[in-house]
Each structure stands twice: as structure tokens, then as C-alpha cells.
Amino acid sequence: MVRGSHSKKEIEAALAYAEKNGWRVQSGGKGHAWGKIYCPYKDAECRCGEFCISSVWSTPKNPGNHARHLRRIVDNCTAGR
């Protein structure tokens, strides 16, 4: 399934980074959310599920900070190490 692209280039680059690391990116959210990213490691040891799903905002106040936040979530996933 082909996902839509995010309108902010910094966030789109972070989503491509997440996909490169095995995360599933799903567009189509409710309210202020553009979509969500899902961790590929669905086990209880993955931070108890705390970072297994994260929302991607459609119009964040600072797109660069939100993109860094998304990359940090991908990088800090304990199951991927």
C-alpha cells in the first residue's frame, strides 16, 4: 500500500528514515494527526509498548523539532538493538 507524502520536507525525511529502519508508516489520522508510525518489534520488552506507536502531526509548530523527535523514537527503540 502506498502512503501519502507529508507536506513538510523535514518530517517526510524522518518518515523515510523510519521506513528504512523497518518501521511502518501509516497516513490518515484524526484531528491534528497526519498518521502514525509503528515499531516492527511487537514484544513486551520493547519499552513496554511506550514507543511502539507514535503520532505524526500534520501541522506541527516547529517541523524540524517534530522530525527530530520522530528520529529519536526510531533510534531509541530498545528492541532494534
PDB file of N, CA and C in Angstrom:
ATOM      1  N   MET A   1       0.835  -1.171   0.000  1.00  0.00           N
ATOM      2  CA  MET A   1       0.000   0.000   0.000  1.00  0.00           C
ATOM      3  C   MET A   1       0.886   1.242   0.000  1.00  0.00           C
ATOM      4  N   VAL A   2       0.625   2.162  -0.882  1.00  0.00           N
ATOM      5  CA  VAL A   2       1.413   3.372  -0.995  1.00  0.00           C
ATOM      6  C   VAL A   2       0.826   4.419  -0.058  1.00  0.00           C
ATOM      7  N   ARG A   3       1.680   5.018   0.734  1.00  0.00           N
ATOM      8  CA  ARG A   3       1.212   6.049   1.651  1.00  0.00           C
ATOM      9  C   ARG A   3       1.352   7.418   1.004  1.00  0.00           C
ATOM     10  N   GLY A   4       0.603   8.371   1.501  1.00  0.00           N
ATOM     11  CA  GLY A   4       0.724   9.739   1.035  1.00  0.00           C
ATOM     12  C   GLY A   4       1.985  10.375   1.603  1.00  0.00           C
ATOM     13  N   SER A   5       2.457  11.418   0.961  1.00  0.00           N
ATOM     14  CA  SER A   5       3.658  12.082   1.476  1.00  0.00           C
ATOM     15  C   SER A   5       3.246  13.232   2.388  1.00  0.00           C
ATOM     16  N   HIS A   6       4.110  13.520   3.338  1.00  0.00           N
ATOM     17  CA  HIS A   6       3.858  14.607   4.272  1.00  0.00           C
ATOM     18  C   HIS A   6       4.246  15.920   3.612  1.00  0.00           C
ATOM     19  N   SER A   7       3.506  16.975   3.901  1.00  0.00           N
ATOM     20  CA  SER A   7       3.740  18.263   3.249  1.00  0.00           C
ATOM     21  C   SER A   7       5.014  18.963   3.726  1.00  0.00           C
ATOM     22  N   LYS A   8       5.509  18.618   4.909  1.00  0.00           N
ATOM     23  CA  LYS A   8       6.733  19.228   5.438  1.00  0.00           C
ATOM     24  C   LYS A   8       7.918  18.317   5.107  1.00  0.00           C
ATOM     25  N   LYS A   9       8.910  18.880   4.404  1.00  0.00           N
ATOM     26  CA  LYS A   9      10.029  18.065   3.913  1.00  0.00           C
ATOM     27  C   LYS A   9      10.839  17.440   5.040  1.00  0.00           C
ATOM     28  N   GLU A  10      10.986  18.137   6.182  1.00  0.00           N
ATOM     29  CA  GLU A  10      11.753  17.582   7.303  1.00  0.00           C
ATOM     30  C   GLU A  10      11.072  16.346   7.868  1.00  0.00           C
ATOM     31  N   ILE A  11       9.766  16.420   7.984  1.00  0.00           N
ATOM     32  CA  ILE A  11       9.014  15.282   8.528  1.00  0.00           C
ATOM     33  C   ILE A  11       8.977  14.137   7.525  1.00  0.00           C
ATOM     34  N   GLU A  12       8.844  14.447   6.257  1.00  0.00           N
ATOM     35  CA  GLU A  12       8.870  13.403   5.227  1.00  0.00           C
ATOM     36  C   GLU A  12      10.207  12.662   5.251  1.00  0.00           C
ATOM     37  N   ALA A  13      11.309  13.401   5.459  1.00  0.00           N
ATOM     38  CA  ALA A  13      12.627  12.761   5.554  1.00  0.00           C
ATOM     39  C   ALA A  13      12.705  11.861   6.790  1.00  0.00           C
ATOM     40  N   ALA A  14      12.116  12.296   7.899  1.00  0.00           N
ATOM     41  CA  ALA A  14      12.097  11.472   9.114  1.00  0.00           C
ATOM     42  C   ALA A  14      11.250  10.218   8.912  1.00  0.00           C
ATOM     43  N   LEU A  15      10.155  10.341   8.169  1.00  0.00           N
ATOM     44  CA  LEU A  15       9.313   9.173   7.889  1.00  0.00           C
ATOM     45  C   LEU A  15      10.049   8.185   6.990  1.00  0.00           C
ATOM     46  N   ALA A  16      10.796   8.691   6.015  1.00  0.00           N
ATOM     47  CA  ALA A  16      11.600   7.813   5.158  1.00  0.00           C
ATOM     48  C   ALA A  16      12.673   7.111   5.987  1.00  0.00           C
ATOM     49  N   TYR A  17      13.253   7.817   6.952  1.00  0.00           N
ATOM     50  CA  TYR A  17      14.250   7.234   7.859  1.00  0.00           C
ATOM     51  C   TYR A  17      13.626   6.100   8.679  1.00  0.00           C
ATOM     52  N   ALA A  18      12.415   6.336   9.182  1.00  0.00           N
ATOM     53  CA  ALA A  18      11.717   5.308   9.962  1.00  0.00           C
ATOM     54  C   ALA A  18      11.437   4.080   9.101  1.00  0.00           C
ATOM     55  N   GLU A  19      10.987   4.294   7.874  1.00  0.00           N
ATOM     56  CA  GLU A  19      10.716   3.164   6.971  1.00  0.00           C
ATOM     57  C   GLU A  19      11.988   2.399   6.652  1.00  0.00           C
ATOM     58  N   LYS A  20      13.089   3.103   6.478  1.00  0.00           N
ATOM     59  CA  LYS A  20      14.367   2.452   6.198  1.00  0.00           C
ATOM     60  C   LYS A  20      14.794   1.550   7.357  1.00  0.00           C
ATOM     61  N   ASN A  21      14.373   1.916   8.565  1.00  0.00           N
ATOM     62  CA  ASN A  21      14.700   1.131   9.755  1.00  0.00           C
ATOM     63  C   ASN A  21      13.627   0.116  10.117  1.00  0.00           C
ATOM     64  N   GLY A  22      12.703  -0.149   9.185  1.00  0.00           N
ATOM     65  CA  GLY A  22      11.722  -1.205   9.381  1.00  0.00           C
ATOM     66  C   GLY A  22      10.406  -0.771   9.974  1.00  0.00           C
ATOM     67  N   TRP A  23      10.258   0.483  10.319  1.00  0.00           N
ATOM     68  CA  TRP A  23       9.014   0.961  10.902  1.00  0.00           C
ATOM     69  C   TRP A  23       7.952   1.086   9.822  1.00  0.00           C
ATOM     70  N   ARG A  24       6.707   0.870  10.202  1.00  0.00           N
ATOM     71  CA  ARG A  24       5.583   1.011   9.282  1.00  0.00           C
ATOM     72  C   ARG A  24       4.998   2.404   9.465  1.00  0.00           C
ATOM     73  N   VAL A  25       4.847   3.126   8.369  1.00  0.00           N
ATOM     74  CA  VAL A  25       4.276   4.469   8.395  1.00  0.00           C
ATOM     75  C   VAL A  25       2.894   4.394   7.766  1.00  0.00           C
ATOM     76  N   GLN A  26       1.908   4.864   8.498  1.00  0.00           N
ATOM     77  CA  GLN A  26       0.536   4.818   8.012  1.00  0.00           C
ATOM     78  C   GLN A  26      -0.037   6.229   8.038  1.00  0.00           C
ATOM     79  N   SER A  27      -0.422   6.729   6.877  1.00  0.00           N
ATOM     80  CA  SER A  27      -1.043   8.058   6.821  1.00  0.00           C
ATOM     81  C   SER A  27      -2.529   7.924   7.088  1.00  0.00           C
ATOM     82  N   GLY A  28      -3.164   9.050   7.331  1.00  0.00           N
ATOM     83  CA  GLY A  28      -4.599   9.040   7.611  1.00  0.00           C
ATOM     84  C   GLY A  28      -4.859   9.043   9.088  1.00  0.00           C
ATOM     85  N   GLY A  29      -4.902  10.212   9.661  1.00  0.00           N
ATOM     86  CA  GLY A  29      -5.147  10.319  11.091  1.00  0.00           C
ATOM     87  C   GLY A  29      -6.399  11.123  11.370  1.00  0.00           C
ATOM     88  N   LYS A  30      -6.688  11.264  12.627  1.00  0.00           N
ATOM     89  CA  LYS A  30      -7.853  12.038  13.050  1.00  0.00           C
ATOM     90  C   LYS A  30      -7.377  13.304  13.753  1.00  0.00           C
ATOM     91  N   GLY A  31      -8.116  14.369  13.591  1.00  0.00           N
ATOM     92  CA  GLY A  31      -7.773  15.620  14.268  1.00  0.00           C
ATOM     93  C   GLY A  31      -6.500  16.224  13.703  1.00  0.00           C
ATOM     94  N   HIS A  32      -5.544  16.471  14.574  1.00  0.00           N
ATOM     95  CA  HIS A  32      -4.289  17.101  14.170  1.00  0.00           C
ATOM     96  C   HIS A  32      -3.244  16.097  13.690  1.00  0.00           C
ATOM     97  N   ALA A  33      -3.548  14.830  13.776  1.00  0.00           N
ATOM     98  CA  ALA A  33      -2.582  13.808  13.382  1.00  0.00           C
ATOM     99  C   ALA A  33      -2.624  13.567  11.871  1.00  0.00           C
ATOM    100  N   TRP A  34      -1.445  13.489  11.254  1.00  0.00           N
ATOM    101  CA  TRP A  34      -1.324  13.139   9.842  1.00  0.00           C
ATOM    102  C   TRP A  34      -1.383  11.626   9.692  1.00  0.00           C
ATOM    103  N   GLY A  35      -0.830  10.942  10.681  1.00  0.00           N
ATOM    104  CA  GLY A  35      -0.788   9.486  10.664  1.00  0.00           C
ATOM    105  C   GLY A  35      -0.013   8.971  11.868  1.00  0.00           C
ATOM    106  N   LYS A  36       0.492   7.755  11.759  1.00  0.00           N
ATOM    107  CA  LYS A  36       1.237   7.128  12.861  1.00  0.00           C
ATOM    108  C   LYS A  36       2.403   6.318  12.320  1.00  0.00           C
ATOM    109  N   ILE A  37       3.413   6.116  13.182  1.00  0.00           N
ATOM    110  CA  ILE A  37       4.489   5.189  12.868  1.00  0.00           C
ATOM    111  C   ILE A  37       4.412   4.049  13.876  1.00  0.00           C
ATOM    112  N   TYR A  38       4.680   2.842  13.385  1.00  0.00           N
ATOM    113  CA  TYR A  38       4.567   1.633  14.201  1.00  0.00           C
ATOM    114  C   TYR A  38       5.893   0.895  14.234  1.00  0.00           C
ATOM    115  N   CYS A  39       6.322   0.524  15.425  1.00  0.00           N
ATOM    116  CA  CYS A  39       7.551  -0.235  15.618  1.00  0.00           C
ATOM    117  C   CYS A  39       7.386  -1.643  15.025  1.00  0.00           C
ATOM    118  N   PRO A  40       8.437  -2.152  14.356  1.00  0.00           N
ATOM    119  CA  PRO A  40       8.328  -3.503  13.790  1.00  0.00           C
ATOM    120  C   PRO A  40       8.476  -4.611  14.835  1.00  0.00           C
ATOM    121  N   TYR A  41       8.940  -4.257  16.041  1.00  0.00           N
ATOM    122  CA  TYR A  41       9.180  -5.257  17.088  1.00  0.00           C
ATOM    123  C   TYR A  41       8.047  -5.198  18.102  1.00  0.00           C
ATOM    124  N   LYS A  42       7.091  -6.084  17.955  1.00  0.00           N
ATOM    125  CA  LYS A  42       5.927  -6.075  18.849  1.00  0.00           C
ATOM    126  C   LYS A  42       6.122  -7.091  19.965  1.00  0.00           C
ATOM    127  N   ASP A  43       6.971  -6.749  20.929  1.00  0.00           N
ATOM    128  CA  ASP A  43       7.119  -7.638  22.067  1.00  0.00           C
ATOM    129  C   ASP A  43       7.075  -6.830  23.357  1.00  0.00           C
ATOM    130  N   ALA A  44       6.877  -7.508  24.457  1.00  0.00           N
ATOM    131  CA  ALA A  44       6.702  -6.851  25.751  1.00  0.00           C
ATOM    132  C   ALA A  44       7.964  -6.145  26.222  1.00  0.00           C
ATOM    133  N   GLU A  45       9.134  -6.553  25.717  1.00  0.00           N
ATOM    134  CA  GLU A  45      10.387  -5.953  26.155  1.00  0.00           C
ATOM    135  C   GLU A  45      10.700  -4.649  25.433  1.00  0.00           C
ATOM    136  N   CYS A  46       9.923  -4.293  24.463  1.00  0.00           N
ATOM    137  CA  CYS A  46      10.154  -3.055  23.711  1.00  0.00           C
ATOM    138  C   CYS A  46       9.575  -1.872  24.479  1.00  0.00           C
ATOM    139  N   ARG A  47      10.241  -1.499  25.556  1.00  0.00           N
ATOM    140  CA  ARG A  47       9.824  -0.373  26.400  1.00  0.00           C
ATOM    141  C   ARG A  47       8.364  -0.492  26.832  1.00  0.00           C
ATOM    142  N   CYS A  48       7.909  -1.690  27.031  1.00  0.00           N
ATOM    143  CA  CYS A  48       6.517  -1.960  27.455  1.00  0.00           C
ATOM    144  C   CYS A  48       5.506  -1.328  26.507  1.00  0.00           C
ATOM    145  N   GLY A  49       5.889  -1.171  25.256  1.00  0.00           N
ATOM    146  CA  GLY A  49       4.981  -0.613  24.277  1.00  0.00           C
ATOM    147  C   GLY A  49       4.904   0.897  24.276  1.00  0.00           C
ATOM    148  N   GLU A  50       5.711   1.558  25.129  1.00  0.00           N
ATOM    149  CA  GLU A  50       5.628   3.013  25.252  1.00  0.00           C
ATOM    150  C   GLU A  50       5.918   3.735  23.936  1.00  0.00           C
ATOM    151  N   PHE A  51       6.910   3.277  23.214  1.00  0.00           N
ATOM    152  CA  PHE A  51       7.282   3.941  21.972  1.00  0.00           C
ATOM    153  C   PHE A  51       6.942   3.105  20.742  1.00  0.00           C
ATOM    154  N   CYS A  52       6.095   2.104  20.883  1.00  0.00           N
ATOM    155  CA  CYS A  52       5.787   1.234  19.759  1.00  0.00           C
ATOM    156  C   CYS A  52       4.884   1.905  18.726  1.00  0.00           C
ATOM    157  N   ILE A  53       4.128   2.902  19.138  1.00  0.00           N
ATOM    158  CA  ILE A  53       3.279   3.656  18.217  1.00  0.00           C
ATOM    159  C   ILE A  53       3.471   5.132  18.548  1.00  0.00           C
ATOM    160  N   SER A  54       3.650   5.935  17.514  1.00  0.00           N
ATOM    161  CA  SER A  54       3.780   7.366  17.737  1.00  0.00           C
ATOM    162  C   SER A  54       3.004   8.124  16.668  1.00  0.00           C
ATOM    163  N   SER A  55       2.351   9.199  17.074  1.00  0.00           N
ATOM    164  CA  SER A  55       1.589  10.019  16.136  1.00  0.00           C
ATOM    165  C   SER A  55       2.507  10.950  15.356  1.00  0.00           C
ATOM    166  N   VAL A  56       2.143  11.176  14.110  1.00  0.00           N
ATOM    167  CA  VAL A  56       2.834  12.136  13.254  1.00  0.00           C
ATOM    168  C   VAL A  56       1.861  13.286  13.049  1.00  0.00           C
ATOM    169  N   TRP A  57       2.267  14.484  13.495  1.00  0.00           N
ATOM    170  CA  TRP A  57       1.381  15.639  13.396  1.00  0.00           C
ATOM    171  C   TRP A  57       1.373  16.198  11.990  1.00  0.00           C
ATOM    172  N   SER A  58       0.220  16.695  11.579  1.00  0.00           N
ATOM    173  CA  SER A  58       0.096  17.243  10.226  1.00  0.00           C
ATOM    174  C   SER A  58       0.668  18.654  10.130  1.00  0.00           C
ATOM    175  N   THR A  59       0.464  19.478  11.138  1.00  0.00           N
ATOM    176  CA  THR A  59       0.966  20.855  11.107  1.00  0.00           C
ATOM    177  C   THR A  59       1.621  21.195  12.445  1.00  0.00           C
ATOM    178  N   PRO A  60       2.805  20.651  12.705  1.00  0.00           N
ATOM    179  CA  PRO A  60       3.469  20.965  13.973  1.00  0.00           C
ATOM    180  C   PRO A  60       3.944  22.412  13.981  1.00  0.00           C
ATOM    181  N   LYS A  61       4.080  22.974  15.173  1.00  0.00           N
ATOM    182  CA  LYS A  61       4.544  24.353  15.313  1.00  0.00           C
ATOM    183  C   LYS A  61       5.953  24.499  14.754  1.00  0.00           C
ATOM    184  N   ASN A  62       6.801  23.504  15.019  1.00  0.00           N
ATOM    185  CA  ASN A  62       8.167  23.518  14.515  1.00  0.00           C
ATOM    186  C   ASN A  62       8.445  22.174  13.831  1.00  0.00           C
ATOM    187  N   PRO A  63       8.360  22.113  12.504  1.00  0.00           N
ATOM    188  CA  PRO A  63       8.542  20.834  11.800  1.00  0.00           C
ATOM    189  C   PRO A  63       9.902  20.184  12.039  1.00  0.00           C
ATOM    190  N   GLY A  64      10.945  21.000  12.184  1.00  0.00           N
ATOM    191  CA  GLY A  64      12.278  20.442  12.437  1.00  0.00           C
ATOM    192  C   GLY A  64      12.357  19.712  13.759  1.00  0.00           C
ATOM    193  N   ASN A  65      11.768  20.287  14.794  1.00  0.00           N
ATOM    194  CA  ASN A  65      11.765  19.631  16.109  1.00  0.00           C
ATOM    195  C   ASN A  65      10.941  18.348  16.086  1.00  0.00           C
ATOM    196  N   HIS A  66       9.814  18.381  15.405  1.00  0.00           N
ATOM    197  CA  HIS A  66       8.971  17.180  15.333  1.00  0.00           C
ATOM    198  C   HIS A  66       9.690  16.069  14.558  1.00  0.00           C
ATOM    199  N   ALA A  67      10.395  16.443  13.496  1.00  0.00           N
ATOM    200  CA  ALA A  67      11.157  15.457  12.723  1.00  0.00           C
ATOM    201  C   ALA A  67      12.256  14.840  13.585  1.00  0.00           C
ATOM    202  N   ARG A  68      12.960  15.670  14.371  1.00  0.00           N
ATOM    203  CA  ARG A  68      13.996  15.141  15.273  1.00  0.00           C
ATOM    204  C   ARG A  68      13.384  14.213  16.314  1.00  0.00           C
ATOM    205  N   HIS A  69      12.213  14.565  16.808  1.00  0.00           N
ATOM    206  CA  HIS A  69      11.515  13.729  17.783  1.00  0.00           C
ATOM    207  C   HIS A  69      11.194  12.349  17.188  1.00  0.00           C
ATOM    208  N   LEU A  70      10.715  12.333  15.953  1.00  0.00           N
ATOM    209  CA  LEU A  70      10.390  11.057  15.301  1.00  0.00           C
ATOM    210  C   LEU A  70      11.647  10.214  15.102  1.00  0.00           C
ATOM    211  N   ARG A  71      12.742  10.837  14.671  1.00  0.00           N
ATOM    212  CA  ARG A  71      14.011  10.101  14.504  1.00  0.00           C
ATOM    213  C   ARG A  71      14.504   9.550  15.837  1.00  0.00           C
ATOM    214  N   ARG A  72      14.344  10.341  16.902  1.00  0.00           N
ATOM    215  CA  ARG A  72      14.789   9.904  18.228  1.00  0.00           C
ATOM    216  C   ARG A  72      13.992   8.686  18.686  1.00  0.00           C
ATOM    217  N   ILE A  73      12.703   8.653  18.389  1.00  0.00           N
ATOM    218  CA  ILE A  73      11.877   7.498  18.745  1.00  0.00           C
ATOM    219  C   ILE A  73      12.399   6.248  18.031  1.00  0.00           C
ATOM    220  N   VAL A  74      12.704   6.386  16.748  1.00  0.00           N
ATOM    221  CA  VAL A  74      13.233   5.243  15.968  1.00  0.00           C
ATOM    222  C   VAL A  74      14.587   4.816  16.527  1.00  0.00           C
ATOM    223  N   ASP A  75      15.459   5.777  16.796  1.00  0.00           N
ATOM    224  CA  ASP A  75      16.807   5.454  17.276  1.00  0.00           C
ATOM    225  C   ASP A  75      16.815   4.857  18.665  1.00  0.00           C
ATOM    226  N   ASN A  76      15.857   5.237  19.514  1.00  0.00           N
ATOM    227  CA  ASN A  76      15.833   4.771  20.908  1.00  0.00           C
ATOM    228  C   ASN A  76      15.031   3.503  21.111  1.00  0.00           C
ATOM    229  N   CYS A  77      14.554   2.901  20.047  1.00  0.00           N
ATOM    230  CA  CYS A  77      13.815   1.656  20.186  1.00  0.00           C
ATOM    231  C   CYS A  77      14.760   0.583  20.726  1.00  0.00           C
ATOM    232  N   THR A  78      14.427   0.031  21.874  1.00  0.00           N
ATOM    233  CA  THR A  78      15.321  -0.930  22.525  1.00  0.00           C
ATOM    234  C   THR A  78      15.317  -2.296  21.831  1.00  0.00           C
ATOM    235  N   ALA A  79      14.245  -2.661  21.165  1.00  0.00           N
ATOM    236  CA  ALA A  79      14.168  -3.974  20.527  1.00  0.00           C
ATOM    237  C   ALA A  79      15.022  -4.042  19.265  1.00  0.00           C
ATOM    238  N   GLY A  80      15.278  -2.912  18.636  1.00  0.00           N
ATOM    239  CA  GLY A  80      16.041  -2.889  17.391  1.00  0.00           C
ATOM    240  C   GLY A  80      17.540  -2.941  17.575  1.00  0.00           C
ATOM    241  N   ARG A  81      17.989  -3.019  18.814  1.00  0.00           N
ATOM    242  CA  ARG A  81      19.442  -3.013  19.075  1.00  0.00           C
ATOM    243  C   ARG A  81      20.030  -4.384  19.107  1.00  0.00           C
TER     244      ARG A  81
END
